[in-house]
Amino acid sequence: MKLTELIKLIDGVVLTKGVNLNCEVLGGCGADLMSDVLAYSQPDAVLLTGLCTMQVVRTAMMADVAAIIFVRDKQPNDDIVQLANREKIPLISTVHGMFEVCGRLHCAGLQSLEHAYDEG
């Protein structure tokens, strides 16, 4: 699914400028703990989160996240948007909650791009 299609599906609003919205998205992950994103997400996932801090963008950079979706109408401050613009990471906000957005994306055919938890 193209990121532009995903944005329409979740009633998203793009917060960054000059980023690639035509990239292909294969799946996603949802987390508010950035350590979970680093440990369990796969590259090119869209990240759904309610956390609205600089650490989200920095984590997305390290985890090769395709885009960040802020749920529950969270709005990042200008510093966060500027960092995402510099790093060419699309930021998207939606009024819907995380459960709703995950459900919409899953029903549209996107898969989970989270590694299974291994208790070792």
N, C-alpha and C. Protein backbone atom coordinates (compact mmCIF):
# COMPACT_ATOMS: atom_id res chain seq x y z
N MET A 1 0.84 -1.17 0.00
CA MET A 1 0.00 0.00 0.00
C MET A 1 0.89 1.24 0.00
N LYS A 2 0.54 2.21 -0.81
CA LYS A 2 1.27 3.48 -0.83
C LYS A 2 0.95 4.26 0.44
N LEU A 3 1.93 5.02 0.91
CA LEU A 3 1.74 5.83 2.11
C LEU A 3 0.58 6.81 1.90
N THR A 4 0.40 7.32 0.70
CA THR A 4 -0.72 8.24 0.42
C THR A 4 -2.06 7.55 0.66
N GLU A 5 -2.17 6.27 0.31
CA GLU A 5 -3.41 5.52 0.55
C GLU A 5 -3.62 5.32 2.05
N LEU A 6 -2.54 5.00 2.75
CA LEU A 6 -2.61 4.80 4.19
C LEU A 6 -3.11 6.06 4.88
N ILE A 7 -2.60 7.21 4.45
CA ILE A 7 -2.99 8.49 5.05
C ILE A 7 -4.50 8.70 4.92
N LYS A 8 -5.05 8.41 3.75
CA LYS A 8 -6.50 8.54 3.54
C LYS A 8 -7.27 7.57 4.42
N LEU A 9 -6.76 6.35 4.53
CA LEU A 9 -7.43 5.31 5.29
C LEU A 9 -7.59 5.66 6.77
N ILE A 10 -6.62 6.38 7.31
CA ILE A 10 -6.66 6.71 8.74
C ILE A 10 -7.08 8.16 9.00
N ASP A 11 -7.53 8.84 7.95
CA ASP A 11 -7.89 10.26 8.07
C ASP A 11 -6.71 11.07 8.59
N GLY A 12 -5.54 10.77 8.04
CA GLY A 12 -4.31 11.38 8.51
C GLY A 12 -4.04 12.77 7.95
N VAL A 13 -3.25 13.51 8.69
CA VAL A 13 -2.80 14.84 8.29
C VAL A 13 -1.27 14.79 8.28
N VAL A 14 -0.67 15.13 7.14
CA VAL A 14 0.79 15.13 7.02
C VAL A 14 1.34 16.39 7.66
N LEU A 15 2.33 16.22 8.54
CA LEU A 15 2.90 17.34 9.29
C LEU A 15 4.26 17.78 8.77
N THR A 16 4.87 16.99 7.91
CA THR A 16 6.20 17.30 7.37
C THR A 16 6.07 17.73 5.92
N LYS A 17 7.12 18.38 5.43
CA LYS A 17 7.13 18.86 4.04
C LYS A 17 8.31 18.24 3.30
N GLY A 18 8.13 18.01 2.02
CA GLY A 18 9.22 17.52 1.20
C GLY A 18 9.64 16.09 1.47
N VAL A 19 8.72 15.29 2.04
CA VAL A 19 9.02 13.88 2.31
C VAL A 19 8.32 13.02 1.27
N ASN A 20 8.82 11.82 1.07
CA ASN A 20 8.25 10.92 0.07
C ASN A 20 6.99 10.26 0.61
N LEU A 21 5.86 10.61 0.03
CA LEU A 21 4.59 10.01 0.43
C LEU A 21 4.15 8.92 -0.53
N ASN A 22 4.96 8.66 -1.55
CA ASN A 22 4.62 7.63 -2.53
C ASN A 22 5.33 6.31 -2.26
N CYS A 23 6.00 6.21 -1.13
CA CYS A 23 6.70 4.96 -0.83
C CYS A 23 5.69 3.86 -0.53
N GLU A 24 6.12 2.64 -0.74
CA GLU A 24 5.30 1.47 -0.49
C GLU A 24 5.45 1.06 0.98
N VAL A 25 4.33 0.83 1.64
CA VAL A 25 4.32 0.43 3.05
C VAL A 25 3.83 -1.01 3.12
N LEU A 26 4.59 -1.87 3.76
CA LEU A 26 4.24 -3.28 3.86
C LEU A 26 3.57 -3.64 5.18
N GLY A 27 3.81 -2.84 6.21
CA GLY A 27 3.26 -3.16 7.51
C GLY A 27 3.62 -2.12 8.53
N GLY A 28 3.36 -2.44 9.77
CA GLY A 28 3.59 -1.46 10.82
C GLY A 28 3.82 -2.08 12.17
N CYS A 29 4.02 -1.20 13.11
CA CYS A 29 4.13 -1.60 14.52
C CYS A 29 3.57 -0.46 15.36
N GLY A 30 3.04 -0.80 16.50
CA GLY A 30 2.49 0.20 17.41
C GLY A 30 3.16 0.09 18.76
N ALA A 31 3.69 1.21 19.25
CA ALA A 31 4.37 1.19 20.55
C ALA A 31 4.54 2.59 21.10
N ASP A 32 4.52 2.68 22.41
CA ASP A 32 4.87 3.93 23.09
C ASP A 32 6.22 3.80 23.79
N LEU A 33 6.72 2.59 23.92
CA LEU A 33 8.05 2.38 24.48
C LEU A 33 9.04 2.28 23.33
N MET A 34 9.92 3.27 23.22
CA MET A 34 10.85 3.29 22.09
C MET A 34 11.85 2.14 22.17
N SER A 35 12.09 1.62 23.37
CA SER A 35 12.95 0.44 23.48
C SER A 35 12.29 -0.76 22.80
N ASP A 36 10.96 -0.86 22.85
CA ASP A 36 10.26 -1.93 22.14
C ASP A 36 10.39 -1.76 20.63
N VAL A 37 10.35 -0.53 20.15
CA VAL A 37 10.52 -0.28 18.72
C VAL A 37 11.89 -0.76 18.27
N LEU A 38 12.92 -0.43 19.04
CA LEU A 38 14.28 -0.85 18.69
C LEU A 38 14.43 -2.37 18.76
N ALA A 39 13.77 -2.99 19.72
CA ALA A 39 13.94 -4.43 19.91
C ALA A 39 13.08 -5.26 18.96
N TYR A 40 11.90 -4.77 18.59
CA TYR A 40 10.95 -5.65 17.91
C TYR A 40 10.51 -5.21 16.52
N SER A 41 10.73 -3.95 16.14
CA SER A 41 10.23 -3.53 14.82
C SER A 41 11.19 -3.93 13.71
N GLN A 42 10.63 -4.11 12.54
CA GLN A 42 11.41 -4.42 11.36
C GLN A 42 11.54 -3.16 10.51
N PRO A 43 12.57 -3.06 9.69
CA PRO A 43 12.75 -1.88 8.84
C PRO A 43 11.56 -1.62 7.93
N ASP A 44 11.36 -0.36 7.63
CA ASP A 44 10.32 0.12 6.71
C ASP A 44 8.90 0.00 7.24
N ALA A 45 8.76 -0.22 8.53
CA ALA A 45 7.43 -0.24 9.14
C ALA A 45 6.96 1.20 9.37
N VAL A 46 5.64 1.39 9.38
CA VAL A 46 5.11 2.65 9.90
C VAL A 46 4.98 2.45 11.41
N LEU A 47 5.35 3.47 12.15
CA LEU A 47 5.30 3.40 13.61
C LEU A 47 4.09 4.18 14.09
N LEU A 48 3.20 3.51 14.80
CA LEU A 48 2.04 4.15 15.43
C LEU A 48 2.37 4.38 16.89
N THR A 49 2.21 5.62 17.34
CA THR A 49 2.56 5.92 18.72
C THR A 49 1.73 7.09 19.26
N GLY A 50 1.56 7.10 20.55
CA GLY A 50 0.95 8.23 21.24
C GLY A 50 2.00 9.10 21.90
N LEU A 51 3.25 8.69 21.80
CA LEU A 51 4.36 9.44 22.38
C LEU A 51 4.79 10.53 21.41
N CYS A 52 4.92 11.73 21.89
CA CYS A 52 5.19 12.87 21.01
C CYS A 52 6.44 13.61 21.50
N THR A 53 7.61 12.96 21.31
CA THR A 53 8.88 13.52 21.76
C THR A 53 9.93 13.40 20.66
N MET A 54 11.05 14.10 20.84
CA MET A 54 12.17 14.00 19.91
C MET A 54 12.68 12.57 19.83
N GLN A 55 12.57 11.84 20.95
CA GLN A 55 13.09 10.47 20.98
C GLN A 55 12.38 9.57 19.97
N VAL A 56 11.13 9.87 19.65
CA VAL A 56 10.40 9.07 18.67
C VAL A 56 11.08 9.19 17.30
N VAL A 57 11.45 10.39 16.90
CA VAL A 57 12.12 10.58 15.61
C VAL A 57 13.50 9.96 15.63
N ARG A 58 14.22 10.14 16.72
CA ARG A 58 15.57 9.54 16.81
C ARG A 58 15.50 8.02 16.76
N THR A 59 14.51 7.45 17.42
CA THR A 59 14.33 5.99 17.38
C THR A 59 13.96 5.55 15.97
N ALA A 60 13.09 6.29 15.33
CA ALA A 60 12.69 5.96 13.96
C ALA A 60 13.89 5.97 13.02
N MET A 61 14.80 6.88 13.24
CA MET A 61 16.02 6.94 12.42
C MET A 61 16.84 5.67 12.60
N MET A 62 17.01 5.24 13.84
CA MET A 62 17.81 4.04 14.13
C MET A 62 17.12 2.76 13.66
N ALA A 63 15.79 2.74 13.71
CA ALA A 63 15.05 1.53 13.37
C ALA A 63 14.61 1.50 11.90
N ASP A 64 15.03 2.48 11.11
CA ASP A 64 14.66 2.55 9.69
C ASP A 64 13.14 2.52 9.48
N VAL A 65 12.44 3.31 10.29
CA VAL A 65 10.99 3.42 10.18
C VAL A 65 10.63 4.24 8.95
N ALA A 66 9.59 3.82 8.22
CA ALA A 66 9.17 4.50 6.99
C ALA A 66 8.41 5.79 7.27
N ALA A 67 7.63 5.82 8.35
CA ALA A 67 6.83 6.99 8.71
C ALA A 67 6.39 6.84 10.16
N ILE A 68 6.07 7.97 10.77
CA ILE A 68 5.57 7.98 12.15
C ILE A 68 4.14 8.50 12.11
N ILE A 69 3.24 7.76 12.76
CA ILE A 69 1.84 8.17 12.86
C ILE A 69 1.54 8.44 14.33
N PHE A 70 1.19 9.68 14.62
CA PHE A 70 0.80 10.06 15.98
C PHE A 70 -0.71 9.87 16.11
N VAL A 71 -1.11 9.03 17.05
CA VAL A 71 -2.53 8.72 17.25
C VAL A 71 -3.13 9.70 18.25
N ARG A 72 -4.45 9.66 18.39
CA ARG A 72 -5.19 10.50 19.33
C ARG A 72 -4.93 11.99 19.13
N ASP A 73 -4.73 12.38 17.87
CA ASP A 73 -4.53 13.79 17.49
C ASP A 73 -3.34 14.45 18.20
N LYS A 74 -2.34 13.65 18.52
CA LYS A 74 -1.12 14.21 19.12
C LYS A 74 -0.43 15.10 18.08
N GLN A 75 0.09 16.23 18.52
CA GLN A 75 0.74 17.19 17.64
C GLN A 75 2.16 17.46 18.13
N PRO A 76 3.16 17.04 17.36
CA PRO A 76 4.55 17.28 17.77
C PRO A 76 4.88 18.77 17.69
N ASN A 77 5.83 19.19 18.52
CA ASN A 77 6.23 20.59 18.47
C ASN A 77 7.11 20.85 17.25
N ASP A 78 7.43 22.11 17.02
CA ASP A 78 8.20 22.51 15.84
C ASP A 78 9.57 21.85 15.76
N ASP A 79 10.23 21.66 16.90
CA ASP A 79 11.56 21.02 16.89
C ASP A 79 11.48 19.59 16.37
N ILE A 80 10.44 18.88 16.77
CA ILE A 80 10.26 17.50 16.32
C ILE A 80 9.99 17.47 14.81
N VAL A 81 9.14 18.36 14.34
CA VAL A 81 8.83 18.42 12.91
C VAL A 81 10.07 18.78 12.11
N GLN A 82 10.86 19.73 12.60
CA GLN A 82 12.08 20.13 11.89
C GLN A 82 13.07 18.98 11.79
N LEU A 83 13.24 18.22 12.88
CA LEU A 83 14.14 17.06 12.84
C LEU A 83 13.63 16.03 11.82
N ALA A 84 12.34 15.76 11.83
CA ALA A 84 11.78 14.80 10.87
C ALA A 84 11.95 15.30 9.44
N ASN A 85 11.78 16.59 9.22
CA ASN A 85 11.99 17.15 7.89
C ASN A 85 13.44 16.95 7.44
N ARG A 86 14.37 17.23 8.32
CA ARG A 86 15.80 17.06 8.00
C ARG A 86 16.12 15.61 7.65
N GLU A 87 15.50 14.68 8.39
CA GLU A 87 15.77 13.26 8.20
C GLU A 87 14.86 12.62 7.17
N LYS A 88 13.95 13.42 6.59
CA LYS A 88 13.03 12.94 5.54
C LYS A 88 12.12 11.81 6.03
N ILE A 89 11.68 11.92 7.28
CA ILE A 89 10.75 10.94 7.86
C ILE A 89 9.37 11.58 7.91
N PRO A 90 8.41 11.02 7.19
CA PRO A 90 7.06 11.57 7.23
C PRO A 90 6.44 11.47 8.62
N LEU A 91 5.85 12.58 9.07
CA LEU A 91 5.08 12.60 10.31
C LEU A 91 3.63 12.80 9.93
N ILE A 92 2.77 11.98 10.52
CA ILE A 92 1.34 12.01 10.22
C ILE A 92 0.60 11.99 11.55
N SER A 93 -0.45 12.77 11.63
CA SER A 93 -1.30 12.76 12.82
C SER A 93 -2.69 12.30 12.43
N THR A 94 -3.34 11.56 13.32
CA THR A 94 -4.72 11.12 13.11
C THR A 94 -5.50 11.29 14.41
N VAL A 95 -6.78 11.58 14.28
CA VAL A 95 -7.62 11.75 15.46
C VAL A 95 -7.97 10.43 16.11
N HIS A 96 -7.78 9.34 15.39
CA HIS A 96 -8.17 8.02 15.88
C HIS A 96 -7.16 7.47 16.89
N GLY A 97 -7.62 6.60 17.75
CA GLY A 97 -6.77 5.94 18.73
C GLY A 97 -5.95 4.83 18.10
N MET A 98 -4.98 4.34 18.85
CA MET A 98 -4.07 3.33 18.33
C MET A 98 -4.80 2.04 17.94
N PHE A 99 -5.72 1.59 18.76
CA PHE A 99 -6.44 0.35 18.46
C PHE A 99 -7.20 0.49 17.15
N GLU A 100 -7.88 1.60 16.97
CA GLU A 100 -8.65 1.85 15.74
C GLU A 100 -7.73 1.88 14.52
N VAL A 101 -6.62 2.58 14.61
CA VAL A 101 -5.72 2.71 13.47
C VAL A 101 -5.09 1.35 13.13
N CYS A 102 -4.66 0.61 14.15
CA CYS A 102 -4.11 -0.73 13.89
C CYS A 102 -5.14 -1.60 13.20
N GLY A 103 -6.38 -1.54 13.64
CA GLY A 103 -7.44 -2.33 13.03
C GLY A 103 -7.69 -1.95 11.59
N ARG A 104 -7.73 -0.66 11.31
CA ARG A 104 -7.95 -0.20 9.93
C ARG A 104 -6.82 -0.68 9.01
N LEU A 105 -5.59 -0.55 9.49
CA LEU A 105 -4.46 -0.95 8.66
C LEU A 105 -4.43 -2.46 8.44
N HIS A 106 -4.72 -3.22 9.49
CA HIS A 106 -4.73 -4.67 9.36
C HIS A 106 -5.84 -5.12 8.40
N CYS A 107 -7.02 -4.54 8.53
CA CYS A 107 -8.13 -4.89 7.63
C CYS A 107 -7.83 -4.52 6.18
N ALA A 108 -6.98 -3.52 5.99
CA ALA A 108 -6.60 -3.10 4.63
C ALA A 108 -5.49 -3.96 4.06
N GLY A 109 -5.01 -4.94 4.84
CA GLY A 109 -4.03 -5.88 4.32
C GLY A 109 -2.60 -5.67 4.78
N LEU A 110 -2.36 -4.68 5.64
CA LEU A 110 -0.99 -4.50 6.14
C LEU A 110 -0.70 -5.53 7.22
N GLN A 111 0.51 -6.00 7.22
CA GLN A 111 0.92 -7.00 8.20
C GLN A 111 1.67 -6.35 9.36
N SER A 112 1.81 -7.08 10.42
CA SER A 112 2.63 -6.64 11.53
C SER A 112 4.10 -6.76 11.14
N LEU A 113 4.85 -5.72 11.38
CA LEU A 113 6.30 -5.78 11.17
C LEU A 113 7.02 -5.72 12.51
N GLU A 114 6.48 -6.48 13.46
CA GLU A 114 7.10 -6.64 14.76
C GLU A 114 7.60 -8.07 14.89
N HIS A 115 8.82 -8.21 15.34
CA HIS A 115 9.35 -9.55 15.63
C HIS A 115 8.59 -10.10 16.83
N ALA A 116 8.39 -11.39 16.84
CA ALA A 116 7.75 -12.04 17.98
C ALA A 116 8.65 -11.94 19.19
N TYR A 117 8.02 -11.76 20.35
CA TYR A 117 8.75 -11.71 21.60
C TYR A 117 9.22 -13.13 21.95
N ASP A 118 10.49 -13.24 22.27
CA ASP A 118 11.06 -14.54 22.62
C ASP A 118 11.49 -14.49 24.07
N GLU A 119 10.86 -15.30 24.92
CA GLU A 119 11.18 -15.30 26.33
C GLU A 119 12.53 -15.93 26.63
N GLY A 120 13.16 -16.46 25.60
CA GLY A 120 14.51 -16.99 25.74
C GLY A 120 14.55 -18.31 26.37
